[in-house]
């Protein structure tokens, strides 16, 4: 089992949600939308580089566009190892929480 940090899990799930539109700015927006937490760009790109080094994410350059002054976006995608790591994290969360009272019901 390949264990993920919470931050890695957040980034991987954002990439999974964004599918073919997973580039830096979109990932950052998705993370903020889902978690109400904002990663600064330095932290985000460090995590993305770390996930690439671990083999959980691949990155590819898109086509240069005139709107970006001819620069291309870098798109990220989950690798099979990244999918497996997320599945393992999900399974672990279920095991940890299995049999415990629903905390959401206690809010009130």
PDB file of N, CA and C in Angstrom:
ATOM      1  N   UNK A   1       0.847  -1.184   0.000  1.00  0.00           N
ATOM      2  CA  UNK A   1       0.000   0.000   0.000  1.00  0.00           C
ATOM      3  C   UNK A   1       0.888   1.241   0.000  1.00  0.00           C
ATOM      4  N   UNK A   2       0.622   2.126  -0.950  1.00  0.00           N
ATOM      5  CA  UNK A   2       1.361   3.376  -1.045  1.00  0.00           C
ATOM      6  C   UNK A   2       0.554   4.446  -0.333  1.00  0.00           C
ATOM      7  N   UNK A   3       1.086   4.930   0.780  1.00  0.00           N
ATOM      8  CA  UNK A   3       0.346   5.907   1.564  1.00  0.00           C
ATOM      9  C   UNK A   3       0.574   7.311   1.029  1.00  0.00           C
ATOM     10  N   UNK A   4      -0.487   8.098   1.075  1.00  0.00           N
ATOM     11  CA  UNK A   4      -0.464   9.473   0.608  1.00  0.00           C
ATOM     12  C   UNK A   4      -0.603  10.420   1.783  1.00  0.00           C
ATOM     13  N   UNK A   5      -0.002  11.602   1.660  1.00  0.00           N
ATOM     14  CA  UNK A   5      -0.292  12.649   2.636  1.00  0.00           C
ATOM     15  C   UNK A   5      -1.672  13.204   2.299  1.00  0.00           C
ATOM     16  N   UNK A   6      -2.258  13.924   3.214  1.00  0.00           N
ATOM     17  CA  UNK A   6      -3.566  14.528   2.962  1.00  0.00           C
ATOM     18  C   UNK A   6      -3.467  15.489   1.780  1.00  0.00           C
ATOM     19  N   UNK A   7      -2.417  16.281   1.723  1.00  0.00           N
ATOM     20  CA  UNK A   7      -2.247  17.239   0.625  1.00  0.00           C
ATOM     21  C   UNK A   7      -2.138  16.513  -0.714  1.00  0.00           C
ATOM     22  N   UNK A   8      -1.394  15.412  -0.754  1.00  0.00           N
ATOM     23  CA  UNK A   8      -1.289  14.632  -1.989  1.00  0.00           C
ATOM     24  C   UNK A   8      -2.646  14.080  -2.404  1.00  0.00           C
ATOM     25  N   UNK A   9      -3.390  13.594  -1.440  1.00  0.00           N
ATOM     26  CA  UNK A   9      -4.716  13.047  -1.717  1.00  0.00           C
ATOM     27  C   UNK A   9      -5.642  14.124  -2.283  1.00  0.00           C
ATOM     28  N   UNK A  10      -5.567  15.318  -1.720  1.00  0.00           N
ATOM     29  CA  UNK A  10      -6.380  16.435  -2.199  1.00  0.00           C
ATOM     30  C   UNK A  10      -6.038  16.756  -3.652  1.00  0.00           C
ATOM     31  N   UNK A  11      -4.755  16.820  -3.972  1.00  0.00           N
ATOM     32  CA  UNK A  11      -4.327  17.138  -5.338  1.00  0.00           C
ATOM     33  C   UNK A  11      -4.748  16.031  -6.298  1.00  0.00           C
ATOM     34  N   UNK A  12      -4.533  14.779  -5.922  1.00  0.00           N
ATOM     35  CA  UNK A  12      -4.906  13.671  -6.804  1.00  0.00           C
ATOM     36  C   UNK A  12      -6.408  13.635  -7.071  1.00  0.00           C
ATOM     37  N   UNK A  13      -7.218  13.899  -6.059  1.00  0.00           N
ATOM     38  CA  UNK A  13      -8.666  13.882  -6.276  1.00  0.00           C
ATOM     39  C   UNK A  13      -9.099  15.066  -7.147  1.00  0.00           C
ATOM     40  N   UNK A  14      -8.416  16.194  -7.026  1.00  0.00           N
ATOM     41  CA  UNK A  14      -8.722  17.339  -7.901  1.00  0.00           C
ATOM     42  C   UNK A  14      -8.408  16.989  -9.353  1.00  0.00           C
ATOM     43  N   UNK A  15      -7.268  16.345  -9.594  1.00  0.00           N
ATOM     44  CA  UNK A  15      -6.907  15.924 -10.952  1.00  0.00           C
ATOM     45  C   UNK A  15      -7.932  14.928 -11.478  1.00  0.00           C
ATOM     46  N   UNK A  16      -8.346  13.998 -10.647  1.00  0.00           N
ATOM     47  CA  UNK A  16      -9.354  13.018 -11.043  1.00  0.00           C
ATOM     48  C   UNK A  16     -10.660  13.703 -11.435  1.00  0.00           C
ATOM     49  N   UNK A  17     -11.082  14.686 -10.650  1.00  0.00           N
ATOM     50  CA  UNK A  17     -12.320  15.416 -10.942  1.00  0.00           C
ATOM     51  C   UNK A  17     -12.217  16.221 -12.239  1.00  0.00           C
ATOM     52  N   UNK A  18     -11.063  16.807 -12.495  1.00  0.00           N
ATOM     53  CA  UNK A  18     -10.898  17.685 -13.658  1.00  0.00           C
ATOM     54  C   UNK A  18     -10.688  16.927 -14.971  1.00  0.00           C
ATOM     55  N   UNK A  19     -10.343  15.675 -14.877  1.00  0.00           N
ATOM     56  CA  UNK A  19     -10.101  14.819 -16.042  1.00  0.00           C
ATOM     57  C   UNK A  19      -9.088  15.464 -16.986  1.00  0.00           C
ATOM     58  N   UNK A  20      -9.478  15.761 -18.233  1.00  0.00           N
ATOM     59  CA  UNK A  20      -8.537  16.274 -19.235  1.00  0.00           C
ATOM     60  C   UNK A  20      -8.233  17.760 -19.084  1.00  0.00           C
ATOM     61  N   UNK A  21      -8.830  18.418 -18.113  1.00  0.00           N
ATOM     62  CA  UNK A  21      -8.631  19.857 -17.933  1.00  0.00           C
ATOM     63  C   UNK A  21      -7.803  20.158 -16.675  1.00  0.00           C
ATOM     64  N   UNK A  22      -6.950  19.228 -16.283  1.00  0.00           N
ATOM     65  CA  UNK A  22      -6.187  19.369 -15.035  1.00  0.00           C
ATOM     66  C   UNK A  22      -4.846  20.055 -15.300  1.00  0.00           C
ATOM     67  N   UNK A  23      -4.839  21.367 -15.187  1.00  0.00           N
ATOM     68  CA  UNK A  23      -3.604  22.143 -15.247  1.00  0.00           C
ATOM     69  C   UNK A  23      -3.556  22.995 -13.983  1.00  0.00           C
ATOM     70  N   UNK A  24      -2.433  23.627 -13.717  1.00  0.00           N
ATOM     71  CA  UNK A  24      -2.192  24.282 -12.433  1.00  0.00           C
ATOM     72  C   UNK A  24      -3.309  25.146 -11.895  1.00  0.00           C
ATOM     73  N   UNK A  25      -3.743  26.142 -12.675  1.00  0.00           N
ATOM     74  CA  UNK A  25      -4.771  27.073 -12.199  1.00  0.00           C
ATOM     75  C   UNK A  25      -6.082  26.340 -11.922  1.00  0.00           C
ATOM     76  N   UNK A  26      -6.473  25.432 -12.815  1.00  0.00           N
ATOM     77  CA  UNK A  26      -7.718  24.684 -12.635  1.00  0.00           C
ATOM     78  C   UNK A  26      -7.646  23.777 -11.405  1.00  0.00           C
ATOM     79  N   UNK A  27      -6.497  23.156 -11.189  1.00  0.00           N
ATOM     80  CA  UNK A  27      -6.329  22.299 -10.006  1.00  0.00           C
ATOM     81  C   UNK A  27      -6.469  23.130  -8.740  1.00  0.00           C
ATOM     82  N   UNK A  28      -5.819  24.287  -8.719  1.00  0.00           N
ATOM     83  CA  UNK A  28      -5.885  25.165  -7.542  1.00  0.00           C
ATOM     84  C   UNK A  28      -7.331  25.592  -7.267  1.00  0.00           C
ATOM     85  N   UNK A  29      -8.067  25.961  -8.318  1.00  0.00           N
ATOM     86  CA  UNK A  29      -9.478  26.361  -8.152  1.00  0.00           C
ATOM     87  C   UNK A  29     -10.328  25.204  -7.645  1.00  0.00           C
ATOM     88  N   UNK A  30     -10.111  24.011  -8.177  1.00  0.00           N
ATOM     89  CA  UNK A  30     -10.888  22.840  -7.761  1.00  0.00           C
ATOM     90  C   UNK A  30     -10.618  22.516  -6.296  1.00  0.00           C
ATOM     91  N   UNK A  31      -9.354  22.590  -5.883  1.00  0.00           N
ATOM     92  CA  UNK A  31      -9.001  22.340  -4.483  1.00  0.00           C
ATOM     93  C   UNK A  31      -9.732  23.330  -3.585  1.00  0.00           C
ATOM     94  N   UNK A  32      -9.722  24.609  -3.950  1.00  0.00           N
ATOM     95  CA  UNK A  32     -10.395  25.629  -3.141  1.00  0.00           C
ATOM     96  C   UNK A  32     -11.905  25.395  -3.101  1.00  0.00           C
ATOM     97  N   UNK A  33     -12.478  25.011  -4.248  1.00  0.00           N
ATOM     98  CA  UNK A  33     -13.916  24.753  -4.325  1.00  0.00           C
ATOM     99  C   UNK A  33     -14.332  23.595  -3.423  1.00  0.00           C
ATOM    100  N   UNK A  34     -13.557  22.526  -3.434  1.00  0.00           N
ATOM    101  CA  UNK A  34     -13.925  21.311  -2.702  1.00  0.00           C
ATOM    102  C   UNK A  34     -13.575  21.406  -1.221  1.00  0.00           C
ATOM    103  N   UNK A  35     -12.424  21.999  -0.900  1.00  0.00           N
ATOM    104  CA  UNK A  35     -11.932  21.974   0.482  1.00  0.00           C
ATOM    105  C   UNK A  35     -12.054  23.302   1.224  1.00  0.00           C
ATOM    106  N   UNK A  36     -12.370  24.370   0.505  1.00  0.00           N
ATOM    107  CA  UNK A  36     -12.366  25.726   1.067  1.00  0.00           C
ATOM    108  C   UNK A  36     -10.975  26.098   1.598  1.00  0.00           C
ATOM    109  N   UNK A  37      -9.934  25.489   1.049  1.00  0.00           N
ATOM    110  CA  UNK A  37      -8.541  25.804   1.392  1.00  0.00           C
ATOM    111  C   UNK A  37      -7.828  26.174   0.103  1.00  0.00           C
ATOM    112  N   UNK A  38      -6.976  27.186   0.183  1.00  0.00           N
ATOM    113  CA  UNK A  38      -6.230  27.590  -1.007  1.00  0.00           C
ATOM    114  C   UNK A  38      -4.758  27.258  -0.827  1.00  0.00           C
ATOM    115  N   UNK A  39      -4.210  26.583  -1.810  1.00  0.00           N
ATOM    116  CA  UNK A  39      -2.774  26.316  -1.835  1.00  0.00           C
ATOM    117  C   UNK A  39      -2.118  27.460  -2.596  1.00  0.00           C
ATOM    118  N   UNK A  40      -1.030  27.981  -2.062  1.00  0.00           N
ATOM    119  CA  UNK A  40      -0.274  28.948  -2.854  1.00  0.00           C
ATOM    120  C   UNK A  40       0.381  28.184  -3.998  1.00  0.00           C
ATOM    121  N   UNK A  41       0.675  28.901  -5.081  1.00  0.00           N
ATOM    122  CA  UNK A  41       1.186  28.217  -6.267  1.00  0.00           C
ATOM    123  C   UNK A  41       2.480  27.462  -6.004  1.00  0.00           C
ATOM    124  N   UNK A  42       3.360  28.005  -5.178  1.00  0.00           N
ATOM    125  CA  UNK A  42       4.611  27.306  -4.874  1.00  0.00           C
ATOM    126  C   UNK A  42       4.351  25.950  -4.239  1.00  0.00           C
ATOM    127  N   UNK A  43       3.433  25.907  -3.291  1.00  0.00           N
ATOM    128  CA  UNK A  43       3.077  24.651  -2.630  1.00  0.00           C
ATOM    129  C   UNK A  43       2.434  23.691  -3.621  1.00  0.00           C
ATOM    130  N   UNK A  44       1.516  24.201  -4.437  1.00  0.00           N
ATOM    131  CA  UNK A  44       0.829  23.371  -5.419  1.00  0.00           C
ATOM    132  C   UNK A  44       1.825  22.720  -6.378  1.00  0.00           C
ATOM    133  N   UNK A  45       2.710  23.529  -6.959  1.00  0.00           N
ATOM    134  CA  UNK A  45       3.642  22.974  -7.945  1.00  0.00           C
ATOM    135  C   UNK A  45       4.690  22.062  -7.304  1.00  0.00           C
ATOM    136  N   UNK A  46       5.061  22.327  -6.061  1.00  0.00           N
ATOM    137  CA  UNK A  46       5.957  21.400  -5.355  1.00  0.00           C
ATOM    138  C   UNK A  46       5.271  20.046  -5.164  1.00  0.00           C
ATOM    139  N   UNK A  47       3.996  20.076  -4.774  1.00  0.00           N
ATOM    140  CA  UNK A  47       3.243  18.822  -4.603  1.00  0.00           C
ATOM    141  C   UNK A  47       3.087  18.100  -5.936  1.00  0.00           C
ATOM    142  N   UNK A  48       2.783  18.835  -7.001  1.00  0.00           N
ATOM    143  CA  UNK A  48       2.645  18.204  -8.314  1.00  0.00           C
ATOM    144  C   UNK A  48       3.958  17.562  -8.751  1.00  0.00           C
ATOM    145  N   UNK A  49       5.079  18.267  -8.554  1.00  0.00           N
ATOM    146  CA  UNK A  49       6.391  17.692  -8.897  1.00  0.00           C
ATOM    147  C   UNK A  49       6.670  16.441  -8.074  1.00  0.00           C
ATOM    148  N   UNK A  50       6.311  16.487  -6.797  1.00  0.00           N
ATOM    149  CA  UNK A  50       6.502  15.332  -5.912  1.00  0.00           C
ATOM    150  C   UNK A  50       5.680  14.140  -6.397  1.00  0.00           C
ATOM    151  N   UNK A  51       4.442  14.389  -6.812  1.00  0.00           N
ATOM    152  CA  UNK A  51       3.575  13.324  -7.307  1.00  0.00           C
ATOM    153  C   UNK A  51       4.089  12.757  -8.633  1.00  0.00           C
ATOM    154  N   UNK A  52       4.683  13.600  -9.455  1.00  0.00           N
ATOM    155  CA  UNK A  52       5.304  13.132 -10.700  1.00  0.00           C
ATOM    156  C   UNK A  52       6.496  12.232 -10.371  1.00  0.00           C
ATOM    157  N   UNK A  53       7.351  12.681  -9.436  1.00  0.00           N
ATOM    158  CA  UNK A  53       8.526  11.877  -9.041  1.00  0.00           C
ATOM    159  C   UNK A  53       8.119  10.528  -8.466  1.00  0.00           C
ATOM    160  N   UNK A  54       7.026  10.494  -7.711  1.00  0.00           N
ATOM    161  CA  UNK A  54       6.552   9.242  -7.116  1.00  0.00           C
ATOM    162  C   UNK A  54       5.884   8.338  -8.157  1.00  0.00           C
ATOM    163  N   UNK A  55       5.617   8.871  -9.342  1.00  0.00           N
ATOM    164  CA  UNK A  55       4.987   8.078 -10.382  1.00  0.00           C
ATOM    165  C   UNK A  55       3.470   8.033 -10.307  1.00  0.00           C
ATOM    166  N   UNK A  56       2.856   8.912  -9.506  1.00  0.00           N
ATOM    167  CA  UNK A  56       1.406   8.935  -9.355  1.00  0.00           C
ATOM    168  C   UNK A  56       0.730   9.828 -10.393  1.00  0.00           C
ATOM    169  N   UNK A  57       1.504  10.732 -10.986  1.00  0.00           N
ATOM    170  CA  UNK A  57       0.972  11.710 -11.924  1.00  0.00           C
ATOM    171  C   UNK A  57       1.930  11.830 -13.101  1.00  0.00           C
ATOM    172  N   UNK A  58       1.371  12.014 -14.292  1.00  0.00           N
ATOM    173  CA  UNK A  58       2.188  12.340 -15.468  1.00  0.00           C
ATOM    174  C   UNK A  58       1.875  13.770 -15.861  1.00  0.00           C
ATOM    175  N   UNK A  59       2.808  14.410 -16.564  1.00  0.00           N
ATOM    176  CA  UNK A  59       2.540  15.764 -17.037  1.00  0.00           C
ATOM    177  C   UNK A  59       2.931  15.871 -18.505  1.00  0.00           C
ATOM    178  N   UNK A  60       2.122  16.647 -19.217  1.00  0.00           N
ATOM    179  CA  UNK A  60       2.327  16.843 -20.652  1.00  0.00           C
ATOM    180  C   UNK A  60       2.023  18.285 -21.014  1.00  0.00           C
ATOM    181  N   UNK A  61       2.800  18.811 -21.953  1.00  0.00           N
ATOM    182  CA  UNK A  61       2.558  20.174 -22.437  1.00  0.00           C
ATOM    183  C   UNK A  61       1.412  20.183 -23.436  1.00  0.00           C
ATOM    184  N   UNK A  62       0.558  21.192 -23.284  1.00  0.00           N
ATOM    185  CA  UNK A  62      -0.519  21.394 -24.243  1.00  0.00           C
ATOM    186  C   UNK A  62      -0.003  22.200 -25.426  1.00  0.00           C
ATOM    187  N   UNK A  63      -0.908  22.566 -26.292  1.00  0.00           N
ATOM    188  CA  UNK A  63      -0.568  23.365 -27.457  1.00  0.00           C
ATOM    189  C   UNK A  63      -0.422  24.828 -27.050  1.00  0.00           C
ATOM    190  N   UNK A  64       0.620  25.523 -27.532  1.00  0.00           N
ATOM    191  CA  UNK A  64       0.754  26.957 -27.216  1.00  0.00           C
ATOM    192  C   UNK A  64      -0.458  27.739 -27.729  1.00  0.00           C
ATOM    193  N   UNK A  65      -0.868  28.724 -26.961  1.00  0.00           N
ATOM    194  CA  UNK A  65      -2.030  29.525 -27.350  1.00  0.00           C
ATOM    195  C   UNK A  65      -1.664  31.002 -27.388  1.00  0.00           C
ATOM    196  N   UNK A  66      -2.292  31.775 -28.274  1.00  0.00           N
ATOM    197  CA  UNK A  66      -2.015  33.210 -28.352  1.00  0.00           C
ATOM    198  C   UNK A  66      -2.377  33.945 -27.059  1.00  0.00           C
ATOM    199  N   UNK A  67      -3.437  33.488 -26.357  1.00  0.00           N
ATOM    200  CA  UNK A  67      -3.848  34.152 -25.108  1.00  0.00           C
ATOM    201  C   UNK A  67      -2.761  34.097 -24.048  1.00  0.00           C
ATOM    202  N   UNK A  68      -1.935  33.086 -24.088  1.00  0.00           N
ATOM    203  CA  UNK A  68      -0.889  32.915 -23.077  1.00  0.00           C
ATOM    204  C   UNK A  68       0.469  33.373 -23.614  1.00  0.00           C
ATOM    205  N   UNK A  69       0.459  34.200 -24.654  1.00  0.00           N
ATOM    206  CA  UNK A  69       1.715  34.691 -25.203  1.00  0.00           C
ATOM    207  C   UNK A  69       2.541  33.578 -25.833  1.00  0.00           C
ATOM    208  N   UNK A  70       1.879  32.568 -26.357  1.00  0.00           N
ATOM    209  CA  UNK A  70       2.581  31.468 -27.009  1.00  0.00           C
ATOM    210  C   UNK A  70       3.062  30.381 -26.065  1.00  0.00           C
ATOM    211  N   UNK A  71       2.806  30.548 -24.767  1.00  0.00           N
ATOM    212  CA  UNK A  71       3.221  29.501 -23.812  1.00  0.00           C
ATOM    213  C   UNK A  71       2.161  28.416 -23.735  1.00  0.00           C
ATOM    214  N   UNK A  72       2.593  27.212 -23.457  1.00  0.00           N
ATOM    215  CA  UNK A  72       1.646  26.104 -23.331  1.00  0.00           C
ATOM    216  C   UNK A  72       1.372  25.794 -21.870  1.00  0.00           C
ATOM    217  N   UNK A  73       0.146  25.346 -21.630  1.00  0.00           N
ATOM    218  CA  UNK A  73      -0.218  24.869 -20.294  1.00  0.00           C
ATOM    219  C   UNK A  73       0.401  23.494 -20.103  1.00  0.00           C
ATOM    220  N   UNK A  74       0.667  23.168 -18.850  1.00  0.00           N
ATOM    221  CA  UNK A  74       1.116  21.818 -18.517  1.00  0.00           C
ATOM    222  C   UNK A  74      -0.070  21.110 -17.881  1.00  0.00           C
ATOM    223  N   UNK A  75      -0.466  20.008 -18.510  1.00  0.00           N
ATOM    224  CA  UNK A  75      -1.598  19.226 -18.037  1.00  0.00           C
ATOM    225  C   UNK A  75      -1.108  18.023 -17.246  1.00  0.00           C
ATOM    226  N   UNK A  76      -1.854  17.693 -16.201  1.00  0.00           N
ATOM    227  CA  UNK A  76      -1.515  16.579 -15.318  1.00  0.00           C
ATOM    228  C   UNK A  76      -2.584  15.503 -15.424  1.00  0.00           C
ATOM    229  N   UNK A  77      -2.170  14.251 -15.299  1.00  0.00           N
ATOM    230  CA  UNK A  77      -3.096  13.121 -15.338  1.00  0.00           C
ATOM    231  C   UNK A  77      -2.633  12.057 -14.352  1.00  0.00           C
ATOM    232  N   UNK A  78      -3.584  11.329 -13.796  1.00  0.00           N
ATOM    233  CA  UNK A  78      -3.238  10.234 -12.895  1.00  0.00           C
ATOM    234  C   UNK A  78      -2.645   9.085 -13.701  1.00  0.00           C
ATOM    235  N   UNK A  79      -1.627   8.471 -13.158  1.00  0.00           N
ATOM    236  CA  UNK A  79      -1.077   7.244 -13.735  1.00  0.00           C
ATOM    237  C   UNK A  79      -1.817   6.071 -13.083  1.00  0.00           C
ATOM    238  N   UNK A  80      -1.638   4.869 -13.597  1.00  0.00           N
ATOM    239  CA  UNK A  80      -2.238   3.714 -12.916  1.00  0.00           C
ATOM    240  C   UNK A  80      -1.792   3.614 -11.446  1.00  0.00           C
ATOM    241  N   UNK A  81      -0.545   3.959 -11.156  1.00  0.00           N
ATOM    242  CA  UNK A  81      -0.079   3.947  -9.755  1.00  0.00           C
ATOM    243  C   UNK A  81      -0.802   4.996  -8.923  1.00  0.00           C
ATOM    244  N   UNK A  82      -1.104   6.140  -9.529  1.00  0.00           N
ATOM    245  CA  UNK A  82      -1.839   7.192  -8.828  1.00  0.00           C
ATOM    246  C   UNK A  82      -3.260   6.764  -8.515  1.00  0.00           C
ATOM    247  N   UNK A  83      -3.894   6.106  -9.464  1.00  0.00           N
ATOM    248  CA  UNK A  83      -5.244   5.582  -9.242  1.00  0.00           C
ATOM    249  C   UNK A  83      -5.219   4.552  -8.114  1.00  0.00           C
ATOM    250  N   UNK A  84      -4.229   3.674  -8.160  1.00  0.00           N
ATOM    251  CA  UNK A  84      -4.104   2.653  -7.108  1.00  0.00           C
ATOM    252  C   UNK A  84      -3.872   3.287  -5.738  1.00  0.00           C
ATOM    253  N   UNK A  85      -3.044   4.321  -5.684  1.00  0.00           N
ATOM    254  CA  UNK A  85      -2.775   4.997  -4.409  1.00  0.00           C
ATOM    255  C   UNK A  85      -4.053   5.633  -3.865  1.00  0.00           C
ATOM    256  N   UNK A  86      -4.870   6.230  -4.750  1.00  0.00           N
ATOM    257  CA  UNK A  86      -6.143   6.809  -4.303  1.00  0.00           C
ATOM    258  C   UNK A  86      -7.108   5.725  -3.830  1.00  0.00           C
ATOM    259  N   UNK A  87      -7.154   4.614  -4.544  1.00  0.00           N
ATOM    260  CA  UNK A  87      -8.018   3.507  -4.119  1.00  0.00           C
ATOM    261  C   UNK A  87      -7.586   3.000  -2.744  1.00  0.00           C
ATOM    262  N   UNK A  88      -6.288   2.874  -2.528  1.00  0.00           N
ATOM    263  CA  UNK A  88      -5.773   2.430  -1.229  1.00  0.00           C
ATOM    264  C   UNK A  88      -6.134   3.426  -0.129  1.00  0.00           C
ATOM    265  N   UNK A  89      -6.012   4.735  -0.434  1.00  0.00           N
ATOM    266  CA  UNK A  89      -6.341   5.763   0.555  1.00  0.00           C
ATOM    267  C   UNK A  89      -7.833   5.707   0.898  1.00  0.00           C
ATOM    268  N   UNK A  90      -8.662   5.528  -0.107  1.00  0.00           N
ATOM    269  CA  UNK A  90     -10.108   5.436   0.120  1.00  0.00           C
ATOM    270  C   UNK A  90     -10.446   4.218   0.986  1.00  0.00           C
ATOM    271  N   UNK A  91      -9.826   3.098   0.669  1.00  0.00           N
ATOM    272  CA  UNK A  91     -10.044   1.873   1.443  1.00  0.00           C
ATOM    273  C   UNK A  91      -9.598   2.058   2.897  1.00  0.00           C
ATOM    274  N   UNK A  92      -8.447   2.691   3.090  1.00  0.00           N
ATOM    275  CA  UNK A  92      -7.942   2.947   4.435  1.00  0.00           C
ATOM    276  C   UNK A  92      -8.898   3.837   5.219  1.00  0.00           C
ATOM    277  N   UNK A  93      -9.421   4.894   4.584  1.00  0.00           N
ATOM    278  CA  UNK A  93     -10.374   5.777   5.260  1.00  0.00           C
ATOM    279  C   UNK A  93     -11.623   5.007   5.687  1.00  0.00           C
ATOM    280  N   UNK A  94     -12.105   4.144   4.812  1.00  0.00           N
ATOM    281  CA  UNK A  94     -13.287   3.348   5.157  1.00  0.00           C
ATOM    282  C   UNK A  94     -12.998   2.449   6.358  1.00  0.00           C
ATOM    283  N   UNK A  95     -11.816   1.824   6.392  1.00  0.00           N
ATOM    284  CA  UNK A  95     -11.460   0.956   7.526  1.00  0.00           C
ATOM    285  C   UNK A  95     -11.349   1.753   8.817  1.00  0.00           C
ATOM    286  N   UNK A  96     -10.752   2.923   8.739  1.00  0.00           N
ATOM    287  CA  UNK A  96     -10.569   3.763   9.926  1.00  0.00           C
ATOM    288  C   UNK A  96     -11.917   4.175  10.501  1.00  0.00           C
ATOM    289  N   UNK A  97     -12.859   4.560   9.637  1.00  0.00           N
ATOM    290  CA  UNK A  97     -14.135   5.106  10.082  1.00  0.00           C
ATOM    291  C   UNK A  97     -15.227   4.061  10.266  1.00  0.00           C
ATOM    292  N   UNK A  98     -15.012   2.832   9.793  1.00  0.00           N
ATOM    293  CA  UNK A  98     -16.008   1.796   9.896  1.00  0.00           C
ATOM    294  C   UNK A  98     -16.381   1.534  11.368  1.00  0.00           C
ATOM    295  N   UNK A  99     -17.672   1.548  11.640  1.00  0.00           N
ATOM    296  CA  UNK A  99     -18.152   1.219  12.979  1.00  0.00           C
ATOM    297  C   UNK A  99     -18.192   2.381  13.947  1.00  0.00           C
ATOM    298  N   UNK A 100     -17.708   3.550  13.512  1.00  0.00           N
ATOM    299  CA  UNK A 100     -17.760   4.729  14.387  1.00  0.00           C
ATOM    300  C   UNK A 100     -19.058   5.490  14.167  1.00  0.00           C
ATOM    301  N   UNK A 101     -19.501   6.216  15.173  1.00  0.00           N
ATOM    302  CA  UNK A 101     -20.737   6.991  15.007  1.00  0.00           C
ATOM    303  C   UNK A 101     -20.555   8.062  13.941  1.00  0.00           C
ATOM    304  N   UNK A 102     -21.660   8.424  13.301  1.00  0.00           N
ATOM    305  CA  UNK A 102     -21.646   9.457  12.276  1.00  0.00           C
ATOM    306  C   UNK A 102     -21.475  10.814  12.957  1.00  0.00           C
ATOM    307  N   UNK A 103     -20.339  11.439  12.753  1.00  0.00           N
ATOM    308  CA  UNK A 103     -20.071  12.727  13.391  1.00  0.00           C
ATOM    309  C   UNK A 103     -20.955  13.843  12.846  1.00  0.00           C
ATOM    310  N   UNK A 104     -21.378  13.716  11.593  1.00  0.00           N
ATOM    311  CA  UNK A 104     -22.238  14.749  11.013  1.00  0.00           C
ATOM    312  C   UNK A 104     -23.577  14.812  11.752  1.00  0.00           C
ATOM    313  N   UNK A 105     -24.044  13.686  12.240  1.00  0.00           N
ATOM    314  CA  UNK A 105     -25.322  13.652  12.972  1.00  0.00           C
ATOM    315  C   UNK A 105     -25.193  14.353  14.323  1.00  0.00           C
ATOM    316  N   UNK A 106     -23.972  14.439  14.857  1.00  0.00           N
ATOM    317  CA  UNK A 106     -23.765  15.051  16.164  1.00  0.00           C
ATOM    318  C   UNK A 106     -23.744  16.573  16.083  1.00  0.00           C
ATOM    319  N   UNK A 107     -23.563  17.133  14.871  1.00  0.00           N
ATOM    320  CA  UNK A 107     -23.580  18.594  14.728  1.00  0.00           C
ATOM    321  C   UNK A 107     -25.017  19.056  14.861  1.00  0.00           C
ATOM    322  N   UNK A 108     -25.213  20.099  15.543  1.00  0.00           N
ATOM    323  CA  UNK A 108     -26.602  20.489  15.615  1.00  0.00           C
ATOM    324  C   UNK A 108     -26.817  21.577  16.508  1.00  0.00           C
TER     325      UNK A 108
END
